[in-house]
Amino acid sequence: MAIPQLSPYEIPPLPTNQAAHWQLDPKRAALLIHDMQEYFIAAYDRNANPMSTVLSNIQSIISFADSHGMPVFFSAQPPAQHWSRRGLLNDVWGTGIVTDAQAAIIPELEPAAAHHQVITKWRYSAFERTDLEQALAFTRRNQLIITGVYGHMGCQVTAVDAFMKDIQPFMVGDAIADFSATEHAEAMSWVAKRSGMVISTAEVLSA
C-alpha cells in the first residue's frame, strides 16, 4: 500500500518512563534524524501539528547537537531500489521512493555541518544494513537521540535495535511524527516500557 495523506493531530502527552532512567550526556550521545525525506513528509501538512512542532523541535535539537560537537546522522532511503534489495518492503509498501527529489532530505533540515552524516537506509531500523553502529562505536557514543518519522515504525524499531546493541535510546516524543495520535502514543509507550527513554525537546536542550 502507498503511504496515505495524514490528518493533523496534536502530539500526545509523553509517557512515564518505566524501562530506564538514564541521564542524557552530550559527550556520550549522537543525534539521529530519521527519514525526514520529501517522500515521507509529503504526507503531512507542514504548517499544522504534528509536523510544524516536530520541524521546529528537530531544528532546535540539531543546533544543540552542533554546539556540543555531537555527531548528527540523517537516515535516508535511496530512490529506485531494485526489487531484490527492497525485498518484502515491496509487498507491504510498493516501490517506495522513485526519484532523487523524493529522496532528498527536506530543506528545513538539510544537512550542512561537516559532522552531519547521511546514512543510506534499507529497512525500518537505521541500524539494519548500515554502518551506524560502527560509526557510534568509533566516535565513542553509546547514547542515541531519536527524532523523525514514523514513530511506530522506524523510530520505534531503531530504539529497540539500539537497546539490543547496548546503546541507550532516547526517543524525543515531541520531535517524532506518526500516522495518528494513537500510533504516536503507542510507540512512545512501548519504548518507555520496554527499550529506552522517551524525553521532550526541552529535556534534550537542558542536558
C-alpha atoms as a PDB file:
ATOM      1  CA  MET A   1       0.000   0.000   0.000  1.00  0.00           C
ATOM      2  CA  ALA A   2       1.098   3.600  -0.510  1.00  0.00           C
ATOM      3  CA  ILE A   3       1.613   5.977   2.377  1.00  0.00           C
ATOM      4  CA  PRO A   4      -1.711   7.787   2.934  1.00  0.00           C
ATOM      5  CA  GLN A   5      -2.215  11.509   3.404  1.00  0.00           C
ATOM      6  CA  LEU A   6      -2.122  12.030   7.152  1.00  0.00           C
ATOM      7  CA  SER A   7      -4.552  14.162   9.107  1.00  0.00           C
ATOM      8  CA  PRO A   8      -3.199  16.768  11.517  1.00  0.00           C
ATOM      9  CA  TYR A   9      -3.148  15.852  15.201  1.00  0.00           C
ATOM     10  CA  GLU A  10      -1.787  17.224  18.445  1.00  0.00           C
ATOM     11  CA  ILE A  11       1.258  15.472  19.878  1.00  0.00           C
ATOM     12  CA  PRO A  12       0.112  13.247  22.756  1.00  0.00           C
ATOM     13  CA  PRO A  13       1.437  13.690  26.298  1.00  0.00           C
ATOM     14  CA  LEU A  14       4.729  11.924  26.887  1.00  0.00           C
ATOM     15  CA  PRO A  15       4.510   8.717  28.928  1.00  0.00           C
ATOM     16  CA  THR A  16       6.223   7.960  32.219  1.00  0.00           C
ATOM     17  CA  ASN A  17       9.488   6.121  31.669  1.00  0.00           C
ATOM     18  CA  GLN A  18       9.395   2.654  33.188  1.00  0.00           C
ATOM     19  CA  ALA A  19      12.160   0.754  31.384  1.00  0.00           C
ATOM     20  CA  ALA A  20      15.100   3.002  32.240  1.00  0.00           C
ATOM     21  CA  HIS A  21      16.126   6.213  33.947  1.00  0.00           C
ATOM     22  CA  TRP A  22      19.341   7.165  32.189  1.00  0.00           C
ATOM     23  CA  GLN A  23      20.831  10.638  32.152  1.00  0.00           C
ATOM     24  CA  LEU A  24      21.373  12.107  28.705  1.00  0.00           C
ATOM     25  CA  ASP A  25      25.002  13.190  28.291  1.00  0.00           C
ATOM     26  CA  PRO A  26      26.020  15.243  25.217  1.00  0.00           C
ATOM     27  CA  LYS A  27      29.535  13.792  25.487  1.00  0.00           C
ATOM     28  CA  ARG A  28      28.137  10.270  25.065  1.00  0.00           C
ATOM     29  CA  ALA A  29      25.250  10.971  22.697  1.00  0.00           C
ATOM     30  CA  ALA A  30      24.679  11.198  18.960  1.00  0.00           C
ATOM     31  CA  LEU A  31      21.607  12.525  17.165  1.00  0.00           C
ATOM     32  CA  LEU A  32      19.563  10.646  14.572  1.00  0.00           C
ATOM     33  CA  ILE A  33      17.163  12.444  12.239  1.00  0.00           C
ATOM     34  CA  HIS A  34      15.201   9.512  10.922  1.00  0.00           C
ATOM     35  CA  ASP A  35      13.821   9.522   7.347  1.00  0.00           C
ATOM     36  CA  MET A  36      12.947  13.221   7.108  1.00  0.00           C
ATOM     37  CA  GLN A  37      12.778  12.948   3.316  1.00  0.00           C
ATOM     38  CA  GLU A  38      10.418  14.674   0.883  1.00  0.00           C
ATOM     39  CA  TYR A  39       8.688  11.383   0.073  1.00  0.00           C
ATOM     40  CA  PHE A  40       7.676  10.742   3.677  1.00  0.00           C
ATOM     41  CA  ILE A  41       6.987  14.318   4.767  1.00  0.00           C
ATOM     42  CA  ALA A  42       4.707  14.925   1.769  1.00  0.00           C
ATOM     43  CA  ALA A  43       2.048  13.005   3.712  1.00  0.00           C
ATOM     44  CA  TYR A  44       1.806  15.864   6.246  1.00  0.00           C
ATOM     45  CA  ASP A  45       0.667  19.462   6.303  1.00  0.00           C
ATOM     46  CA  ARG A  46       3.961  21.080   7.345  1.00  0.00           C
ATOM     47  CA  ASN A  47       2.112  24.110   8.712  1.00  0.00           C
ATOM     48  CA  ALA A  48      -0.006  22.055  11.109  1.00  0.00           C
ATOM     49  CA  ASN A  49       0.738  19.784  14.029  1.00  0.00           C
ATOM     50  CA  PRO A  50       2.359  17.428  14.498  1.00  0.00           C
ATOM     51  CA  MET A  51       4.788  18.354  11.717  1.00  0.00           C
ATOM     52  CA  SER A  52       5.068  22.078  12.419  1.00  0.00           C
ATOM     53  CA  THR A  53       6.107  21.365  16.016  1.00  0.00           C
ATOM     54  CA  VAL A  54       8.331  18.443  15.040  1.00  0.00           C
ATOM     55  CA  LEU A  55      10.256  20.508  12.472  1.00  0.00           C
ATOM     56  CA  SER A  56      10.843  23.334  14.925  1.00  0.00           C
ATOM     57  CA  ASN A  57      11.952  20.933  17.647  1.00  0.00           C
ATOM     58  CA  ILE A  58      14.331  18.985  15.399  1.00  0.00           C
ATOM     59  CA  GLN A  59      15.900  22.253  14.249  1.00  0.00           C
ATOM     60  CA  SER A  60      16.479  23.207  17.888  1.00  0.00           C
ATOM     61  CA  ILE A  61      17.986  19.817  18.687  1.00  0.00           C
ATOM     62  CA  ILE A  62      20.327  19.980  15.673  1.00  0.00           C
ATOM     63  CA  SER A  63      21.554  23.388  16.852  1.00  0.00           C
ATOM     64  CA  PHE A  64      22.093  21.947  20.328  1.00  0.00           C
ATOM     65  CA  ALA A  65      23.984  18.964  18.911  1.00  0.00           C
ATOM     66  CA  ASP A  66      26.183  21.189  16.753  1.00  0.00           C
ATOM     67  CA  SER A  67      27.015  23.472  19.664  1.00  0.00           C
ATOM     68  CA  HIS A  68      28.087  20.456  21.740  1.00  0.00           C
ATOM     69  CA  GLY A  69      30.074  18.724  18.992  1.00  0.00           C
ATOM     70  CA  MET A  70      27.696  15.777  18.848  1.00  0.00           C
ATOM     71  CA  PRO A  71      27.655  13.568  15.736  1.00  0.00           C
ATOM     72  CA  VAL A  72      24.481  14.077  13.705  1.00  0.00           C
ATOM     73  CA  PHE A  73      23.181  11.312  11.455  1.00  0.00           C
ATOM     74  CA  PHE A  74      20.425  11.580   8.851  1.00  0.00           C
ATOM     75  CA  SER A  75      18.935   8.290   7.704  1.00  0.00           C
ATOM     76  CA  ALA A  76      17.684   8.313   4.119  1.00  0.00           C
ATOM     77  CA  GLN A  77      16.286   5.615   1.882  1.00  0.00           C
ATOM     78  CA  PRO A  78      17.683   5.645  -1.674  1.00  0.00           C
ATOM     79  CA  PRO A  79      15.468   6.092  -4.733  1.00  0.00           C
ATOM     80  CA  ALA A  80      14.609   3.431  -7.299  1.00  0.00           C
ATOM     81  CA  GLN A  81      15.620   0.470  -5.158  1.00  0.00           C
ATOM     82  CA  HIS A  82      15.990  -2.768  -7.089  1.00  0.00           C
ATOM     83  CA  TRP A  83      13.283  -5.235  -6.079  1.00  0.00           C
ATOM     84  CA  SER A  84      15.894  -7.724  -4.845  1.00  0.00           C
ATOM     85  CA  ARG A  85      17.311  -5.172  -2.396  1.00  0.00           C
ATOM     86  CA  ARG A  86      13.935  -3.787  -1.347  1.00  0.00           C
ATOM     87  CA  GLY A  87      12.698  -7.285  -0.594  1.00  0.00           C
ATOM     88  CA  LEU A  88       9.487  -7.654   1.404  1.00  0.00           C
ATOM     89  CA  LEU A  89       9.018  -3.890   1.583  1.00  0.00           C
ATOM     90  CA  ASN A  90       7.736  -4.262  -1.991  1.00  0.00           C
ATOM     91  CA  ASP A  91       4.889  -6.427  -0.723  1.00  0.00           C
ATOM     92  CA  VAL A  92       3.879  -4.040   2.048  1.00  0.00           C
ATOM     93  CA  TRP A  93       4.652  -0.553   0.673  1.00  0.00           C
ATOM     94  CA  GLY A  94       5.146  -0.952  -3.070  1.00  0.00           C
ATOM     95  CA  THR A  95       8.065   0.573  -4.941  1.00  0.00           C
ATOM     96  CA  GLY A  96       8.649   3.393  -2.447  1.00  0.00           C
ATOM     97  CA  ILE A  97      10.874   6.341  -3.335  1.00  0.00           C
ATOM     98  CA  VAL A  98      11.364   6.705  -7.082  1.00  0.00           C
ATOM     99  CA  THR A  99      13.184   9.992  -7.763  1.00  0.00           C
ATOM    100  CA  ASP A 100      16.132  11.884  -6.316  1.00  0.00           C
ATOM    101  CA  ALA A 101      13.763  14.744  -5.474  1.00  0.00           C
ATOM    102  CA  GLN A 102      11.615  12.423  -3.373  1.00  0.00           C
ATOM    103  CA  ALA A 103      14.699  11.035  -1.639  1.00  0.00           C
ATOM    104  CA  ALA A 104      16.071  14.447  -0.648  1.00  0.00           C
ATOM    105  CA  ILE A 105      16.203  15.490   2.992  1.00  0.00           C
ATOM    106  CA  ILE A 106      13.647  18.274   3.365  1.00  0.00           C
ATOM    107  CA  PRO A 107      15.205  21.755   3.026  1.00  0.00           C
ATOM    108  CA  GLU A 108      14.189  22.779   6.565  1.00  0.00           C
ATOM    109  CA  LEU A 109      16.633  20.177   7.880  1.00  0.00           C
ATOM    110  CA  GLU A 110      19.155  19.905   5.061  1.00  0.00           C
ATOM    111  CA  PRO A 111      22.475  18.530   6.361  1.00  0.00           C
ATOM    112  CA  ALA A 112      25.029  21.298   6.412  1.00  0.00           C
ATOM    113  CA  ALA A 113      27.764  20.982   9.003  1.00  0.00           C
ATOM    114  CA  ALA A 114      30.898  18.954   8.433  1.00  0.00           C
ATOM    115  CA  HIS A 115      29.888  16.491  11.136  1.00  0.00           C
ATOM    116  CA  HIS A 116      26.424  15.867   9.656  1.00  0.00           C
ATOM    117  CA  GLN A 117      26.392  12.456   8.009  1.00  0.00           C
ATOM    118  CA  VAL A 118      23.773  10.824   5.764  1.00  0.00           C
ATOM    119  CA  ILE A 119      23.459   7.063   6.096  1.00  0.00           C
ATOM    120  CA  THR A 120      21.752   5.011   3.393  1.00  0.00           C
ATOM    121  CA  LYS A 121      18.940   3.049   4.983  1.00  0.00           C
ATOM    122  CA  TRP A 122      17.229  -0.074   3.642  1.00  0.00           C
ATOM    123  CA  ARG A 123      14.771  -1.233   6.317  1.00  0.00           C
ATOM    124  CA  TYR A 124      12.735   0.196   9.189  1.00  0.00           C
ATOM    125  CA  SER A 125      15.706   0.276  11.562  1.00  0.00           C
ATOM    126  CA  ALA A 126      18.511   2.772  10.999  1.00  0.00           C
ATOM    127  CA  PHE A 127      20.912   0.037  12.120  1.00  0.00           C
ATOM    128  CA  GLU A 128      19.890  -2.615   9.562  1.00  0.00           C
ATOM    129  CA  ARG A 129      22.410  -2.851   6.671  1.00  0.00           C
ATOM    130  CA  THR A 130      24.057   0.456   7.676  1.00  0.00           C
ATOM    131  CA  ASP A 131      27.277   1.421   9.450  1.00  0.00           C
ATOM    132  CA  LEU A 132      25.523   3.417  12.162  1.00  0.00           C
ATOM    133  CA  GLU A 133      26.615   1.038  14.915  1.00  0.00           C
ATOM    134  CA  GLN A 134      30.236   1.194  13.763  1.00  0.00           C
ATOM    135  CA  ALA A 135      30.147   4.996  13.485  1.00  0.00           C
ATOM    136  CA  LEU A 136      28.801   5.295  17.024  1.00  0.00           C
ATOM    137  CA  ALA A 137      31.493   2.952  18.318  1.00  0.00           C
ATOM    138  CA  PHE A 138      34.253   4.857  16.520  1.00  0.00           C
ATOM    139  CA  THR A 139      33.088   8.169  17.972  1.00  0.00           C
ATOM    140  CA  ARG A 140      32.664   6.549  21.404  1.00  0.00           C
ATOM    141  CA  ARG A 141      28.958   7.293  21.600  1.00  0.00           C
ATOM    142  CA  ASN A 142      26.649   4.911  23.423  1.00  0.00           C
ATOM    143  CA  GLN A 143      23.530   7.064  23.574  1.00  0.00           C
ATOM    144  CA  LEU A 144      21.267   7.793  20.594  1.00  0.00           C
ATOM    145  CA  ILE A 145      18.747  10.636  20.429  1.00  0.00           C
ATOM    146  CA  ILE A 146      15.983   9.594  18.013  1.00  0.00           C
ATOM    147  CA  THR A 147      13.832  12.079  16.076  1.00  0.00           C
ATOM    148  CA  GLY A 148      11.903  11.953  12.795  1.00  0.00           C
ATOM    149  CA  VAL A 149       9.288   9.695  11.193  1.00  0.00           C
ATOM    150  CA  TYR A 150       7.437   7.431  11.554  1.00  0.00           C
ATOM    151  CA  GLY A 151       7.126   6.889  15.279  1.00  0.00           C
ATOM    152  CA  HIS A 152       5.594   3.414  15.353  1.00  0.00           C
ATOM    153  CA  MET A 153       7.823   2.035  12.592  1.00  0.00           C
ATOM    154  CA  GLY A 154      11.388   3.229  12.005  1.00  0.00           C
ATOM    155  CA  CYS A 155      11.758   5.290  15.174  1.00  0.00           C
ATOM    156  CA  GLN A 156      10.456   2.569  17.470  1.00  0.00           C
ATOM    157  CA  VAL A 157      12.358  -0.249  15.754  1.00  0.00           C
ATOM    158  CA  THR A 158      15.576   1.786  15.786  1.00  0.00           C
ATOM    159  CA  ALA A 159      15.118   2.333  19.534  1.00  0.00           C
ATOM    160  CA  VAL A 160      14.703  -1.411  20.037  1.00  0.00           C
ATOM    161  CA  ASP A 161      17.769  -2.166  17.917  1.00  0.00           C
ATOM    162  CA  ALA A 162      19.828   0.375  19.859  1.00  0.00           C
ATOM    163  CA  PHE A 163      18.784  -1.253  23.127  1.00  0.00           C
ATOM    164  CA  MET A 164      19.725  -4.695  21.777  1.00  0.00           C
ATOM    165  CA  LYS A 165      23.180  -3.310  20.930  1.00  0.00           C
ATOM    166  CA  ASP A 166      23.667  -1.763  24.414  1.00  0.00           C
ATOM    167  CA  ILE A 167      23.214   1.746  23.033  1.00  0.00           C
ATOM    168  CA  GLN A 168      20.884   3.804  25.227  1.00  0.00           C
ATOM    169  CA  PRO A 169      17.983   5.113  23.083  1.00  0.00           C
ATOM    170  CA  PHE A 170      16.304   8.428  23.862  1.00  0.00           C
ATOM    171  CA  MET A 171      13.178   8.894  21.744  1.00  0.00           C
ATOM    172  CA  VAL A 172      12.201  12.567  21.658  1.00  0.00           C
ATOM    173  CA  GLY A 173       8.432  12.349  21.923  1.00  0.00           C
ATOM    174  CA  ASP A 174       7.687  15.835  20.588  1.00  0.00           C
ATOM    175  CA  ALA A 175      10.266  15.552  17.793  1.00  0.00           C
ATOM    176  CA  ILE A 176       8.741  12.498  16.108  1.00  0.00           C
ATOM    177  CA  ALA A 177       5.613  12.270  13.965  1.00  0.00           C
ATOM    178  CA  ASP A 178       3.379   9.333  13.163  1.00  0.00           C
ATOM    179  CA  PHE A 179       0.328   8.248  11.208  1.00  0.00           C
ATOM    180  CA  SER A 180      -2.008   9.283  14.035  1.00  0.00           C
ATOM    181  CA  ALA A 181      -2.075  10.438  17.649  1.00  0.00           C
ATOM    182  CA  THR A 182      -2.978   6.892  18.710  1.00  0.00           C
ATOM    183  CA  GLU A 183       0.011   5.299  16.959  1.00  0.00           C
ATOM    184  CA  HIS A 184       2.274   8.104  18.196  1.00  0.00           C
ATOM    185  CA  ALA A 185       1.210   7.454  21.782  1.00  0.00           C
ATOM    186  CA  GLU A 186       1.551   3.679  21.385  1.00  0.00           C
ATOM    187  CA  ALA A 187       5.098   3.991  20.020  1.00  0.00           C
ATOM    188  CA  MET A 188       6.178   6.220  22.900  1.00  0.00           C
ATOM    189  CA  SER A 189       4.521   3.971  25.459  1.00  0.00           C
ATOM    190  CA  TRP A 190       6.199   0.832  24.115  1.00  0.00           C
ATOM    191  CA  VAL A 191       9.666   2.376  24.153  1.00  0.00           C
ATOM    192  CA  ALA A 192       9.138   3.845  27.618  1.00  0.00           C
ATOM    193  CA  LYS A 193       8.119   0.422  28.937  1.00  0.00           C
ATOM    194  CA  ARG A 194      10.435  -1.901  27.041  1.00  0.00           C
ATOM    195  CA  SER A 195      13.584  -0.456  25.498  1.00  0.00           C
ATOM    196  CA  GLY A 196      14.532   3.095  26.368  1.00  0.00           C
ATOM    197  CA  MET A 197      13.502   6.531  27.471  1.00  0.00           C
ATOM    198  CA  VAL A 198      11.016   8.981  25.991  1.00  0.00           C
ATOM    199  CA  ILE A 199      12.006  12.583  26.625  1.00  0.00           C
ATOM    200  CA  SER A 200      10.963  16.037  25.441  1.00  0.00           C
ATOM    201  CA  THR A 201      12.873  18.518  23.331  1.00  0.00           C
ATOM    202  CA  ALA A 202      13.158  20.733  26.410  1.00  0.00           C
ATOM    203  CA  GLU A 203      14.859  17.894  28.274  1.00  0.00           C
ATOM    204  CA  VAL A 204      17.367  17.441  25.451  1.00  0.00           C
ATOM    205  CA  LEU A 205      18.170  21.142  25.389  1.00  0.00           C
ATOM    206  CA  SER A 206      18.718  21.198  29.156  1.00  0.00           C
ATOM    207  CA  ALA A 207      21.069  18.195  29.177  1.00  0.00           C
END
